[in-house]
Amino acid sequence: MRLIQCVCLIILLNFFLSPPAVSEEKSSFCSIYTHFACFDIKNGDKYTMVKRADFRIHEVHLTSGDYVMIYHGRHPERFDYSNAYLVQKPIDGYLISAEKIGSTEHRIFIENQSDGGHKVDLRIQIKSDDRSSMELFLSTFRACNYASGEIDCFPSELFKGVEL
């Protein structure tokens, strides 16, 4: 009887402490998940997240000194499409917009075509002379779909056309 109780306890703990089901083949390269995208951070990068009722803010300080603030929620700061060099380019079911703010700051705005409410807003500050660290970080972004409690992420070119 005691053995059965221990086995049941282990099964329950495994169920409650396990992360949500993720397709191993498609999203094993992501360590952080937003509403409809995921990304990876490397050893040495510093990551923090602020969680509120209707939005999340992720902050990533890359080892290169570069910085990314990622907002995802329903009420981002208004994006000025008139200053953008990339305006609502459709990629994998998302609309991608981008603008340069000076020589070291960039903003990338992602809108989900099927879910008009949620948006992902990236604010990028490139402090290093080499943009390859930021390009590598952005290359880890993948588009994701949520269905029946599972996350399905797939390789995509979300930032095709974005110029750093």
Protein backbone atom coordinates (compact mmCIF):
# COMPACT_ATOMS: atom_id res chain seq x y z
CA MET A 1 0.00 0.00 0.00
CA ARG A 2 2.83 2.37 0.89
CA LEU A 3 4.50 1.64 -2.45
CA ILE A 4 1.32 2.56 -4.33
CA GLN A 5 1.07 5.84 -2.41
CA CYS A 6 4.69 6.70 -3.25
CA VAL A 7 4.17 5.94 -6.93
CA CYS A 8 1.00 8.07 -6.99
CA LEU A 9 2.83 10.92 -5.26
CA ILE A 10 5.68 10.77 -7.79
CA ILE A 11 3.20 10.81 -10.70
CA LEU A 12 1.34 13.79 -9.24
CA LEU A 13 4.54 15.72 -8.57
CA ASN A 14 5.77 15.01 -12.09
CA PHE A 15 2.46 16.25 -13.52
CA PHE A 16 2.41 19.51 -11.55
CA LEU A 17 6.12 20.32 -11.73
CA SER A 18 6.64 19.52 -15.42
CA PRO A 19 6.74 22.38 -17.93
CA PRO A 20 3.95 22.55 -20.52
CA ALA A 21 4.19 20.04 -23.33
CA VAL A 22 6.53 21.31 -26.02
CA SER A 23 7.20 19.68 -29.33
CA GLU A 24 10.79 18.50 -28.81
CA GLU A 25 11.57 18.45 -32.50
CA LYS A 26 10.39 21.98 -33.24
CA SER A 27 11.14 24.12 -30.20
CA SER A 28 14.05 22.65 -28.29
CA PHE A 29 16.06 25.79 -29.16
CA CYS A 30 13.80 28.12 -27.12
CA SER A 31 14.22 28.86 -23.45
CA ILE A 32 11.80 31.82 -23.11
CA TYR A 33 8.22 31.91 -24.42
CA THR A 34 6.05 34.96 -25.13
CA HIS A 35 2.41 34.90 -26.27
CA PHE A 36 3.15 33.88 -29.86
CA ALA A 37 6.93 33.67 -30.10
CA CYS A 38 9.87 32.13 -28.29
CA PHE A 39 13.58 32.86 -28.11
CA ASP A 40 16.77 31.60 -26.55
CA ILE A 41 19.35 33.24 -24.33
CA LYS A 42 22.95 32.10 -24.14
CA ASN A 43 25.17 31.44 -21.13
CA GLY A 44 26.33 34.74 -19.69
CA ASP A 45 23.33 36.75 -20.93
CA LYS A 46 21.25 38.30 -18.14
CA TYR A 47 17.49 37.87 -18.26
CA THR A 48 14.66 39.34 -16.17
CA MET A 49 10.90 39.33 -16.60
CA VAL A 50 8.21 41.59 -15.16
CA LYS A 51 4.77 39.99 -15.11
CA ARG A 52 1.58 42.01 -14.82
CA ALA A 53 -2.08 41.10 -15.26
CA ASP A 54 -2.24 41.73 -19.00
CA PHE A 55 1.37 42.04 -20.20
CA ARG A 56 4.93 40.82 -19.72
CA ILE A 57 8.22 42.64 -20.12
CA HIS A 58 11.36 40.60 -20.79
CA GLU A 59 14.76 42.27 -20.50
CA VAL A 60 17.87 40.68 -21.95
CA HIS A 61 21.38 42.06 -21.43
CA LEU A 62 23.67 40.26 -23.86
CA THR A 63 27.29 39.59 -22.94
CA SER A 64 28.27 41.98 -25.75
CA GLY A 65 26.67 44.86 -23.79
CA ASP A 66 23.68 45.05 -26.14
CA TYR A 67 20.20 45.24 -24.62
CA VAL A 68 16.71 44.14 -25.66
CA MET A 69 13.43 44.96 -23.94
CA ILE A 70 10.54 42.79 -25.14
CA TYR A 71 6.97 43.74 -24.32
CA HIS A 72 4.14 41.35 -25.09
CA GLY A 73 0.56 42.17 -24.35
CA ARG A 74 -2.45 44.01 -25.70
CA HIS A 75 -1.48 47.65 -25.11
CA PRO A 76 2.03 48.49 -26.34
CA GLU A 77 3.18 52.02 -26.93
CA ARG A 78 1.86 53.24 -30.29
CA PHE A 79 4.11 52.31 -33.21
CA ASP A 80 4.80 55.18 -35.64
CA TYR A 81 4.44 53.50 -39.03
CA SER A 82 5.33 56.77 -40.82
CA ASN A 83 8.94 56.50 -39.55
CA ALA A 84 9.28 52.77 -40.24
CA TYR A 85 11.41 51.33 -43.03
CA LEU A 86 9.50 48.03 -42.80
CA VAL A 87 5.71 48.33 -42.49
CA GLN A 88 3.47 45.37 -41.65
CA LYS A 89 5.37 42.86 -43.77
CA PRO A 90 3.47 39.54 -43.61
CA ILE A 91 5.72 36.69 -42.42
CA ASP A 92 4.38 33.34 -41.17
CA GLY A 93 1.01 34.80 -40.12
CA TYR A 94 2.49 37.88 -38.46
CA LEU A 95 2.87 41.50 -39.52
CA ILE A 96 6.41 42.76 -38.93
CA SER A 97 7.27 46.46 -38.74
CA ALA A 98 10.65 48.00 -37.92
CA GLU A 99 12.23 51.40 -37.46
CA LYS A 100 15.67 52.76 -36.65
CA ILE A 101 15.84 55.31 -33.87
CA GLY A 102 19.25 56.85 -34.31
CA SER A 103 22.29 54.73 -35.08
CA THR A 104 22.13 52.40 -32.08
CA GLU A 105 18.44 51.98 -31.26
CA HIS A 106 15.89 49.92 -33.13
CA ARG A 107 12.27 48.96 -32.65
CA ILE A 108 10.60 45.85 -34.05
CA PHE A 109 6.83 45.49 -33.77
CA ILE A 110 5.11 42.12 -34.30
CA GLU A 111 1.35 41.79 -34.75
CA ASN A 112 -0.44 38.46 -34.98
CA GLN A 113 -2.74 38.43 -38.02
CA SER A 114 -5.17 35.95 -36.43
CA ASP A 115 -5.16 37.47 -32.92
CA GLY A 116 -5.39 41.23 -33.31
CA GLY A 117 -5.05 41.87 -29.59
CA HIS A 118 -1.60 40.56 -28.65
CA LYS A 119 1.54 42.26 -29.87
CA VAL A 120 5.27 41.84 -29.29
CA ASP A 121 7.33 45.03 -29.19
CA LEU A 122 11.14 44.80 -29.16
CA ARG A 123 13.28 47.79 -28.16
CA ILE A 124 16.89 47.19 -29.09
CA GLN A 125 20.00 49.10 -28.00
CA ILE A 126 23.22 48.10 -29.70
CA LYS A 127 26.15 49.25 -27.60
CA SER A 128 28.89 47.11 -29.13
CA ASP A 129 30.61 47.82 -32.44
CA ASP A 130 29.83 44.31 -33.62
CA ARG A 131 26.17 43.71 -34.47
CA SER A 132 26.65 39.94 -34.76
CA SER A 133 25.65 39.30 -31.11
CA MET A 134 22.30 40.99 -31.64
CA GLU A 135 21.82 39.28 -35.01
CA LEU A 136 22.52 35.91 -33.35
CA PHE A 137 20.05 36.68 -30.56
CA LEU A 138 17.32 37.70 -33.03
CA SER A 139 17.95 34.55 -35.08
CA THR A 140 16.74 32.46 -32.10
CA PHE A 141 13.19 33.90 -32.33
CA ARG A 142 10.57 31.42 -33.51
CA ALA A 143 6.87 31.82 -34.18
CA CYS A 144 4.61 29.79 -31.84
CA ASN A 145 1.02 28.59 -31.75
CA TYR A 146 -0.85 27.63 -28.60
CA ALA A 147 -3.54 24.97 -28.86
CA SER A 148 -5.04 22.61 -26.28
CA GLY A 149 -2.46 23.55 -23.68
CA GLU A 150 0.49 22.77 -25.95
CA ILE A 151 3.04 25.12 -27.45
CA ASP A 152 4.06 24.47 -31.04
CA CYS A 153 6.99 26.60 -32.20
CA PHE A 154 8.54 26.44 -35.62
CA PRO A 155 11.54 27.93 -37.40
CA SER A 156 10.58 31.11 -39.19
CA GLU A 157 12.09 34.22 -40.65
CA LEU A 158 10.27 36.68 -38.41
CA PHE A 159 12.96 39.32 -38.83
CA LYS A 160 13.58 38.93 -42.55
CA GLY A 161 14.02 42.46 -43.85
CA VAL A 162 14.99 43.91 -40.47
CA GLU A 163 18.17 45.99 -40.70
CA LEU A 164 20.34 46.51 -37.63
